[in-house]
Amino acid sequence: MKNVIVVGATSGIGREVAEIYIRQGCRVGVTGRRKYLLDEIVRTSPAGQVFPQVFDVSAETAAESLAELVERMGGVDICLYSSGYGHTNTALEPSLELGQVDVNAKGFVRCAVWLFNYWADKGLKGHLAVISSVASILPLGVCPSYSATKKFEAFYAQALRQLAVIRDADISITVIKPGFVDTDFIHGRHFPMTIRRGKAAAKIVRAIRRRKKSVVIDGRWAALGLVMRLVPFPLWNWGGRFFRPYKDMF
């Protein structure tokens, strides 16, 4: 029976993934800021199978809270960092930009560093997965901080993959890049090629099981991602003029 932790499991993709692992019989640690939602997961799951831990990844004490959860569980085999904060921000409101840095960049580093050292220093086998985004492929002017921090997550994870070789650590790293998923982030807005949360979560669990290094969710977005990688930056920047009439919608 594997020990799995989902950081950011109170809603969205994180909760869907946590519930899949619970159904598979894993011992699952769930974290988030909203205690009542964590309690709901515990209440609807088999007794003794779910371990809740309330904490905010943007807090300086996040790593200590994660360590406490791992100790209560008796170890961790897989951790998915699902905590994410995204906001369109064409007006460049500083608090919105910096809030996304706190969660998507700083919060991820706090958790990833502690987990990596925990596995490496003890000679344990571990698997760290992070939910990045297709927004990490090309920078999006409507949400600068979101696309930049998702790129940061992907690059940091790739660096950890090489560091595992340097430190001779048995640690797998998976970077997950979903397209639009029907979470609170896009609630009430109609985006193209939106993926159901359950479908996205199932593909994420499958990618982790197969120890994929990087995966785009789903096939339509994978195809679009290939096209996006071929677009020169000057052409991409020029394309921003098509967003001008809609800038007040973001």
C-alpha atoms as a PDB file:
ATOM      1  CA  MET A   1       0.000   0.000   0.000  1.00  0.00           C
ATOM      2  CA  LYS A   2       1.533   3.293  -1.106  1.00  0.00           C
ATOM      3  CA  ASN A   3       1.586   6.492   0.891  1.00  0.00           C
ATOM      4  CA  VAL A   4       0.507   9.404  -1.297  1.00  0.00           C
ATOM      5  CA  ILE A   5       0.307  13.095  -0.432  1.00  0.00           C
ATOM      6  CA  VAL A   6      -1.664  15.602  -2.488  1.00  0.00           C
ATOM      7  CA  VAL A   7      -0.677  19.168  -1.645  1.00  0.00           C
ATOM      8  CA  GLY A   8      -3.724  21.269  -2.442  1.00  0.00           C
ATOM      9  CA  ALA A   9      -6.461  18.645  -2.217  1.00  0.00           C
ATOM     10  CA  THR A  10      -9.464  20.669  -1.096  1.00  0.00           C
ATOM     11  CA  SER A  11     -10.865  21.281  -4.586  1.00  0.00           C
ATOM     12  CA  GLY A  12     -10.273  21.027  -8.318  1.00  0.00           C
ATOM     13  CA  ILE A  13      -7.770  18.621  -9.823  1.00  0.00           C
ATOM     14  CA  GLY A  14      -6.069  17.954  -6.496  1.00  0.00           C
ATOM     15  CA  ARG A  15      -9.229  16.690  -4.873  1.00  0.00           C
ATOM     16  CA  GLU A  16     -10.094  14.505  -7.864  1.00  0.00           C
ATOM     17  CA  VAL A  17      -6.618  12.949  -7.796  1.00  0.00           C
ATOM     18  CA  ALA A  18      -6.789  12.380  -4.038  1.00  0.00           C
ATOM     19  CA  GLU A  19     -10.128  10.604  -4.386  1.00  0.00           C
ATOM     20  CA  ILE A  20      -8.725   8.318  -7.097  1.00  0.00           C
ATOM     21  CA  TYR A  21      -5.852   7.288  -4.840  1.00  0.00           C
ATOM     22  CA  ILE A  22      -8.284   6.733  -1.964  1.00  0.00           C
ATOM     23  CA  ARG A  23     -10.395   4.435  -4.150  1.00  0.00           C
ATOM     24  CA  GLN A  24      -7.238   2.567  -5.114  1.00  0.00           C
ATOM     25  CA  GLY A  25      -6.634   1.785  -1.447  1.00  0.00           C
ATOM     26  CA  CYS A  26      -3.654   4.071  -0.880  1.00  0.00           C
ATOM     27  CA  ARG A  27      -3.021   5.876   2.388  1.00  0.00           C
ATOM     28  CA  VAL A  28      -3.535   9.484   1.346  1.00  0.00           C
ATOM     29  CA  GLY A  29      -2.375  12.706   2.958  1.00  0.00           C
ATOM     30  CA  VAL A  30      -4.435  15.725   1.947  1.00  0.00           C
ATOM     31  CA  THR A  31      -3.478  19.339   2.558  1.00  0.00           C
ATOM     32  CA  GLY A  32      -5.102  22.703   2.072  1.00  0.00           C
ATOM     33  CA  ARG A  33      -6.138  25.913   3.808  1.00  0.00           C
ATOM     34  CA  ARG A  34      -9.805  25.022   4.285  1.00  0.00           C
ATOM     35  CA  LYS A  35     -10.174  22.596   7.171  1.00  0.00           C
ATOM     36  CA  TYR A  36     -13.866  21.892   6.570  1.00  0.00           C
ATOM     37  CA  LEU A  37     -13.115  20.587   3.074  1.00  0.00           C
ATOM     38  CA  LEU A  38     -10.328  18.335   4.351  1.00  0.00           C
ATOM     39  CA  ASP A  39     -12.692  17.060   7.042  1.00  0.00           C
ATOM     40  CA  GLU A  40     -15.233  16.302   4.311  1.00  0.00           C
ATOM     41  CA  ILE A  41     -12.703  14.095   2.498  1.00  0.00           C
ATOM     42  CA  VAL A  42     -11.952  12.246   5.739  1.00  0.00           C
ATOM     43  CA  ARG A  43     -15.644  11.819   6.538  1.00  0.00           C
ATOM     44  CA  THR A  44     -16.438  10.283   3.139  1.00  0.00           C
ATOM     45  CA  SER A  45     -13.434   7.932   3.083  1.00  0.00           C
ATOM     46  CA  PRO A  46     -12.662   4.611   4.818  1.00  0.00           C
ATOM     47  CA  ALA A  47     -11.557   5.051   8.434  1.00  0.00           C
ATOM     48  CA  GLY A  48      -7.831   5.525   8.926  1.00  0.00           C
ATOM     49  CA  GLN A  49      -7.039   5.914   5.234  1.00  0.00           C
ATOM     50  CA  VAL A  50      -6.903   9.717   4.931  1.00  0.00           C
ATOM     51  CA  PHE A  51      -4.542  12.023   6.834  1.00  0.00           C
ATOM     52  CA  PRO A  52      -5.507  15.716   6.730  1.00  0.00           C
ATOM     53  CA  GLN A  53      -3.071  18.564   7.359  1.00  0.00           C
ATOM     54  CA  VAL A  54      -4.187  22.186   7.292  1.00  0.00           C
ATOM     55  CA  PHE A  55      -1.556  24.596   6.010  1.00  0.00           C
ATOM     56  CA  ASP A  56      -0.939  27.327   3.472  1.00  0.00           C
ATOM     57  CA  VAL A  57       1.931  26.657   1.062  1.00  0.00           C
ATOM     58  CA  SER A  58       2.702  30.381   0.982  1.00  0.00           C
ATOM     59  CA  ALA A  59       3.483  30.359   4.721  1.00  0.00           C
ATOM     60  CA  GLU A  60       7.100  30.179   5.893  1.00  0.00           C
ATOM     61  CA  THR A  61       6.161  27.154   8.009  1.00  0.00           C
ATOM     62  CA  ALA A  62       4.803  25.097   5.081  1.00  0.00           C
ATOM     63  CA  ALA A  63       7.761  22.693   5.001  1.00  0.00           C
ATOM     64  CA  GLU A  64       7.438  22.027   8.717  1.00  0.00           C
ATOM     65  CA  SER A  65       3.736  21.256   8.279  1.00  0.00           C
ATOM     66  CA  LEU A  66       4.532  18.890   5.418  1.00  0.00           C
ATOM     67  CA  ALA A  67       7.178  17.173   7.537  1.00  0.00           C
ATOM     68  CA  GLU A  68       4.645  16.696  10.325  1.00  0.00           C
ATOM     69  CA  LEU A  69       2.213  15.067   7.900  1.00  0.00           C
ATOM     70  CA  VAL A  70       4.876  12.708   6.553  1.00  0.00           C
ATOM     71  CA  GLU A  71       5.799  11.694  10.096  1.00  0.00           C
ATOM     72  CA  ARG A  72       2.156  10.953  10.961  1.00  0.00           C
ATOM     73  CA  MET A  73       1.817   8.832   7.831  1.00  0.00           C
ATOM     74  CA  GLY A  74       5.049   6.959   8.470  1.00  0.00           C
ATOM     75  CA  GLY A  75       6.605   8.111   5.203  1.00  0.00           C
ATOM     76  CA  VAL A  76       5.612   9.135   1.695  1.00  0.00           C
ATOM     77  CA  ASP A  77       6.145   7.411  -1.658  1.00  0.00           C
ATOM     78  CA  ILE A  78       4.427   9.878  -4.010  1.00  0.00           C
ATOM     79  CA  CYS A  79       3.653  13.569  -3.639  1.00  0.00           C
ATOM     80  CA  LEU A  80       1.634  15.635  -6.094  1.00  0.00           C
ATOM     81  CA  TYR A  81       1.986  19.393  -5.755  1.00  0.00           C
ATOM     82  CA  SER A  82      -1.430  20.549  -6.934  1.00  0.00           C
ATOM     83  CA  SER A  83      -1.633  23.874  -5.100  1.00  0.00           C
ATOM     84  CA  GLY A  84      -1.968  26.612  -7.660  1.00  0.00           C
ATOM     85  CA  TYR A  85      -3.191  30.157  -7.925  1.00  0.00           C
ATOM     86  CA  GLY A  86      -4.054  31.697 -11.266  1.00  0.00           C
ATOM     87  CA  HIS A  87      -5.544  35.027 -12.251  1.00  0.00           C
ATOM     88  CA  THR A  88      -5.788  37.042 -15.458  1.00  0.00           C
ATOM     89  CA  ASN A  89      -4.321  40.457 -14.786  1.00  0.00           C
ATOM     90  CA  THR A  90      -4.018  42.824 -17.751  1.00  0.00           C
ATOM     91  CA  ALA A  91      -4.037  45.786 -15.331  1.00  0.00           C
ATOM     92  CA  LEU A  92      -0.996  44.305 -13.569  1.00  0.00           C
ATOM     93  CA  GLU A  93      -2.384  44.613 -10.069  1.00  0.00           C
ATOM     94  CA  PRO A  94       0.743  43.907  -7.960  1.00  0.00           C
ATOM     95  CA  SER A  95      -1.000  41.862  -5.272  1.00  0.00           C
ATOM     96  CA  LEU A  96      -2.400  39.461  -7.883  1.00  0.00           C
ATOM     97  CA  GLU A  97       0.993  39.009  -9.515  1.00  0.00           C
ATOM     98  CA  LEU A  98       2.856  38.473  -6.253  1.00  0.00           C
ATOM     99  CA  GLY A  99       0.186  36.186  -4.816  1.00  0.00           C
ATOM    100  CA  GLN A 100       0.730  33.776  -7.690  1.00  0.00           C
ATOM    101  CA  VAL A 101       4.491  33.861  -7.098  1.00  0.00           C
ATOM    102  CA  ASP A 102       3.916  32.994  -3.441  1.00  0.00           C
ATOM    103  CA  VAL A 103       1.861  29.882  -4.226  1.00  0.00           C
ATOM    104  CA  ASN A 104       3.142  28.635  -7.582  1.00  0.00           C
ATOM    105  CA  ALA A 105       6.837  29.392  -7.100  1.00  0.00           C
ATOM    106  CA  LYS A 106       7.733  29.854  -3.443  1.00  0.00           C
ATOM    107  CA  GLY A 107       5.205  27.344  -2.154  1.00  0.00           C
ATOM    108  CA  PHE A 108       6.329  24.724  -4.641  1.00  0.00           C
ATOM    109  CA  VAL A 109       9.993  25.224  -3.750  1.00  0.00           C
ATOM    110  CA  ARG A 110       9.280  24.933  -0.026  1.00  0.00           C
ATOM    111  CA  CYS A 111       7.568  21.584  -0.472  1.00  0.00           C
ATOM    112  CA  ALA A 112       9.800  20.221  -3.243  1.00  0.00           C
ATOM    113  CA  VAL A 113      13.037  20.998  -1.379  1.00  0.00           C
ATOM    114  CA  TRP A 114      11.882  19.321   1.802  1.00  0.00           C
ATOM    115  CA  LEU A 115      10.622  16.230  -0.016  1.00  0.00           C
ATOM    116  CA  PHE A 116      13.717  15.881  -2.200  1.00  0.00           C
ATOM    117  CA  ASN A 117      16.067  16.074   0.778  1.00  0.00           C
ATOM    118  CA  TYR A 118      13.866  13.714   2.794  1.00  0.00           C
ATOM    119  CA  TRP A 119      14.098  11.014   0.122  1.00  0.00           C
ATOM    120  CA  ALA A 120      17.721  11.653  -0.876  1.00  0.00           C
ATOM    121  CA  ASP A 121      19.186  11.912   2.626  1.00  0.00           C
ATOM    122  CA  LYS A 122      17.453   8.729   3.779  1.00  0.00           C
ATOM    123  CA  GLY A 123      18.197   6.780   0.606  1.00  0.00           C
ATOM    124  CA  LEU A 124      14.481   6.306  -0.059  1.00  0.00           C
ATOM    125  CA  LYS A 125      12.657   5.929  -3.343  1.00  0.00           C
ATOM    126  CA  GLY A 126      10.320   8.826  -4.036  1.00  0.00           C
ATOM    127  CA  HIS A 127       8.216  10.399  -6.755  1.00  0.00           C
ATOM    128  CA  LEU A 128       7.460  14.126  -6.966  1.00  0.00           C
ATOM    129  CA  ALA A 129       4.870  15.382  -9.440  1.00  0.00           C
ATOM    130  CA  VAL A 130       3.825  18.978 -10.038  1.00  0.00           C
ATOM    131  CA  ILE A 131       0.880  20.395 -11.935  1.00  0.00           C
ATOM    132  CA  SER A 132       2.311  23.032 -14.249  1.00  0.00           C
ATOM    133  CA  SER A 133       0.289  24.177 -17.276  1.00  0.00           C
ATOM    134  CA  VAL A 134       0.325  24.496 -21.053  1.00  0.00           C
ATOM    135  CA  ALA A 135       0.651  28.196 -20.186  1.00  0.00           C
ATOM    136  CA  SER A 136       4.298  27.386 -19.429  1.00  0.00           C
ATOM    137  CA  ILE A 137       4.985  26.760 -23.131  1.00  0.00           C
ATOM    138  CA  LEU A 138       4.539  30.378 -24.253  1.00  0.00           C
ATOM    139  CA  PRO A 139       4.120  33.481 -22.057  1.00  0.00           C
ATOM    140  CA  LEU A 140       0.564  34.798 -21.888  1.00  0.00           C
ATOM    141  CA  GLY A 141       0.148  38.559 -21.701  1.00  0.00           C
ATOM    142  CA  VAL A 142      -3.275  38.256 -20.058  1.00  0.00           C
ATOM    143  CA  CYS A 143      -1.775  36.393 -17.088  1.00  0.00           C
ATOM    144  CA  PRO A 144       1.965  37.156 -16.858  1.00  0.00           C
ATOM    145  CA  SER A 145       2.619  35.814 -13.368  1.00  0.00           C
ATOM    146  CA  TYR A 146       0.643  32.631 -13.922  1.00  0.00           C
ATOM    147  CA  SER A 147       2.433  31.619 -17.115  1.00  0.00           C
ATOM    148  CA  ALA A 148       5.843  32.624 -15.706  1.00  0.00           C
ATOM    149  CA  THR A 149       5.420  30.709 -12.447  1.00  0.00           C
ATOM    150  CA  LYS A 150       4.141  27.632 -14.277  1.00  0.00           C
ATOM    151  CA  LYS A 151       7.285  27.789 -16.435  1.00  0.00           C
ATOM    152  CA  PHE A 152       9.291  28.103 -13.228  1.00  0.00           C
ATOM    153  CA  GLU A 153       7.699  24.945 -11.819  1.00  0.00           C
ATOM    154  CA  ALA A 154       8.519  22.983 -14.964  1.00  0.00           C
ATOM    155  CA  PHE A 155      12.149  24.154 -15.106  1.00  0.00           C
ATOM    156  CA  TYR A 156      12.715  23.672 -11.389  1.00  0.00           C
ATOM    157  CA  ALA A 157      11.382  20.123 -11.629  1.00  0.00           C
ATOM    158  CA  GLN A 158      13.711  19.418 -14.560  1.00  0.00           C
ATOM    159  CA  ALA A 159      16.641  20.726 -12.518  1.00  0.00           C
ATOM    160  CA  LEU A 160      15.688  18.418  -9.656  1.00  0.00           C
ATOM    161  CA  ARG A 161      15.683  15.511 -12.094  1.00  0.00           C
ATOM    162  CA  GLN A 162      19.334  16.193 -12.911  1.00  0.00           C
ATOM    163  CA  LEU A 163      20.118  16.822  -9.247  1.00  0.00           C
ATOM    164  CA  ALA A 164      18.794  13.348  -8.443  1.00  0.00           C
ATOM    165  CA  VAL A 165      21.466  11.961 -10.787  1.00  0.00           C
ATOM    166  CA  ILE A 166      24.148  14.130  -9.173  1.00  0.00           C
ATOM    167  CA  ARG A 167      23.176  12.973  -5.671  1.00  0.00           C
ATOM    168  CA  ASP A 168      22.571   9.373  -6.787  1.00  0.00           C
ATOM    169  CA  ALA A 169      19.011   9.574  -5.465  1.00  0.00           C
ATOM    170  CA  ASP A 170      16.187   7.276  -6.592  1.00  0.00           C
ATOM    171  CA  ILE A 171      13.704  10.099  -7.143  1.00  0.00           C
ATOM    172  CA  SER A 172      11.321  10.348 -10.099  1.00  0.00           C
ATOM    173  CA  ILE A 173       9.989  13.710 -11.265  1.00  0.00           C
ATOM    174  CA  THR A 174       6.830  14.249 -13.314  1.00  0.00           C
ATOM    175  CA  VAL A 175       5.754  17.594 -14.786  1.00  0.00           C
ATOM    176  CA  ILE A 176       2.059  17.717 -15.701  1.00  0.00           C
ATOM    177  CA  LYS A 177       0.795  20.369 -18.118  1.00  0.00           C
ATOM    178  CA  PRO A 178      -3.010  20.478 -18.361  1.00  0.00           C
ATOM    179  CA  GLY A 179      -4.937  22.677 -20.731  1.00  0.00           C
ATOM    180  CA  PHE A 180      -8.214  24.253 -19.599  1.00  0.00           C
ATOM    181  CA  VAL A 181      -9.817  22.100 -16.882  1.00  0.00           C
ATOM    182  CA  ASP A 182     -13.285  22.763 -15.438  1.00  0.00           C
ATOM    183  CA  THR A 183     -12.048  24.057 -12.088  1.00  0.00           C
ATOM    184  CA  ASP A 184     -12.863  27.231 -10.160  1.00  0.00           C
ATOM    185  CA  PHE A 185     -10.127  29.015 -12.140  1.00  0.00           C
ATOM    186  CA  ILE A 186     -12.318  29.126 -15.263  1.00  0.00           C
ATOM    187  CA  HIS A 187     -15.719  28.826 -13.584  1.00  0.00           C
ATOM    188  CA  GLY A 188     -18.417  30.691 -15.499  1.00  0.00           C
ATOM    189  CA  ARG A 189     -16.199  31.329 -18.518  1.00  0.00           C
ATOM    190  CA  HIS A 190     -16.334  29.361 -21.745  1.00  0.00           C
ATOM    191  CA  PHE A 191     -12.889  28.325 -22.886  1.00  0.00           C
ATOM    192  CA  PRO A 192     -12.138  26.042 -25.842  1.00  0.00           C
ATOM    193  CA  MET A 193     -11.153  22.398 -25.364  1.00  0.00           C
ATOM    194  CA  THR A 194     -12.085  22.368 -21.669  1.00  0.00           C
ATOM    195  CA  ILE A 195     -11.335  19.029 -19.979  1.00  0.00           C
ATOM    196  CA  ARG A 196     -13.493  17.470 -17.263  1.00  0.00           C
ATOM    197  CA  ARG A 197     -11.763  17.330 -13.878  1.00  0.00           C
ATOM    198  CA  GLY A 198     -12.326  13.603 -13.517  1.00  0.00           C
ATOM    199  CA  LYS A 199     -10.815  12.878 -16.912  1.00  0.00           C
ATOM    200  CA  ALA A 200      -7.799  15.108 -16.237  1.00  0.00           C
ATOM    201  CA  ALA A 201      -7.239  13.516 -12.818  1.00  0.00           C
ATOM    202  CA  ALA A 202      -7.357   9.980 -14.240  1.00  0.00           C
ATOM    203  CA  LYS A 203      -4.745  10.903 -16.860  1.00  0.00           C
ATOM    204  CA  ILE A 204      -2.555  12.488 -14.196  1.00  0.00           C
ATOM    205  CA  VAL A 205      -2.650   9.378 -11.991  1.00  0.00           C
ATOM    206  CA  ARG A 206      -1.839   7.238 -15.032  1.00  0.00           C
ATOM    207  CA  ALA A 207       1.135   9.458 -15.939  1.00  0.00           C
ATOM    208  CA  ILE A 208       2.480   9.222 -12.390  1.00  0.00           C
ATOM    209  CA  ARG A 209       2.074   5.439 -12.368  1.00  0.00           C
ATOM    210  CA  ARG A 210       4.010   5.226 -15.635  1.00  0.00           C
ATOM    211  CA  ARG A 211       6.689   7.563 -14.239  1.00  0.00           C
ATOM    212  CA  LYS A 212       6.339   9.966 -17.143  1.00  0.00           C
ATOM    213  CA  LYS A 213       8.857  12.793 -17.108  1.00  0.00           C
ATOM    214  CA  SER A 214       6.454  15.267 -18.714  1.00  0.00           C
ATOM    215  CA  VAL A 215       2.899  14.989 -19.974  1.00  0.00           C
ATOM    216  CA  VAL A 216       0.385  17.387 -21.533  1.00  0.00           C
ATOM    217  CA  ILE A 217      -3.264  16.776 -20.615  1.00  0.00           C
ATOM    218  CA  ASP A 218      -4.974  15.845 -22.984  1.00  0.00           C
ATOM    219  CA  GLY A 219      -4.244  14.775 -26.600  1.00  0.00           C
ATOM    220  CA  ARG A 220      -5.784  17.904 -28.121  1.00  0.00           C
ATOM    221  CA  TRP A 221      -3.637  20.120 -25.952  1.00  0.00           C
ATOM    222  CA  ALA A 222      -0.565  17.992 -26.653  1.00  0.00           C
ATOM    223  CA  ALA A 223      -1.071  18.628 -30.375  1.00  0.00           C
ATOM    224  CA  LEU A 224      -1.601  22.345 -29.783  1.00  0.00           C
ATOM    225  CA  GLY A 225       1.485  22.407 -27.565  1.00  0.00           C
ATOM    226  CA  LEU A 226       3.599  21.124 -30.438  1.00  0.00           C
ATOM    227  CA  VAL A 227       2.329  23.963 -32.609  1.00  0.00           C
ATOM    228  CA  MET A 228       2.938  26.529 -29.848  1.00  0.00           C
ATOM    229  CA  ARG A 229       6.574  25.458 -29.570  1.00  0.00           C
ATOM    230  CA  LEU A 230       7.095  26.297 -33.243  1.00  0.00           C
ATOM    231  CA  VAL A 231       5.771  29.860 -32.987  1.00  0.00           C
ATOM    232  CA  PRO A 232       8.577  32.489 -32.997  1.00  0.00           C
ATOM    233  CA  PHE A 233       8.386  34.964 -30.119  1.00  0.00           C
ATOM    234  CA  PRO A 234       8.051  38.044 -32.388  1.00  0.00           C
ATOM    235  CA  LEU A 235       5.037  36.455 -34.073  1.00  0.00           C
ATOM    236  CA  TRP A 236       3.563  35.460 -30.699  1.00  0.00           C
ATOM    237  CA  ASN A 237       3.978  38.994 -29.353  1.00  0.00           C
ATOM    238  CA  TRP A 238       2.434  40.476 -32.509  1.00  0.00           C
ATOM    239  CA  GLY A 239      -0.584  38.204 -31.993  1.00  0.00           C
ATOM    240  CA  GLY A 240      -1.355  40.102 -28.807  1.00  0.00           C
ATOM    241  CA  ARG A 241      -3.190  42.720 -30.878  1.00  0.00           C
ATOM    242  CA  PHE A 242      -6.051  40.230 -31.256  1.00  0.00           C
ATOM    243  CA  PHE A 243      -6.622  40.421 -27.489  1.00  0.00           C
ATOM    244  CA  ARG A 244      -6.908  44.234 -27.445  1.00  0.00           C
ATOM    245  CA  PRO A 245     -10.702  44.393 -27.912  1.00  0.00           C
ATOM    246  CA  TYR A 246     -11.143  41.876 -25.059  1.00  0.00           C
ATOM    247  CA  LYS A 247      -8.578  43.146 -22.557  1.00  0.00           C
ATOM    248  CA  ASP A 248     -11.271  44.430 -20.181  1.00  0.00           C
ATOM    249  CA  MET A 249     -12.766  40.926 -20.012  1.00  0.00           C
ATOM    250  CA  PHE A 250      -9.661  39.517 -18.340  1.00  0.00           C
END
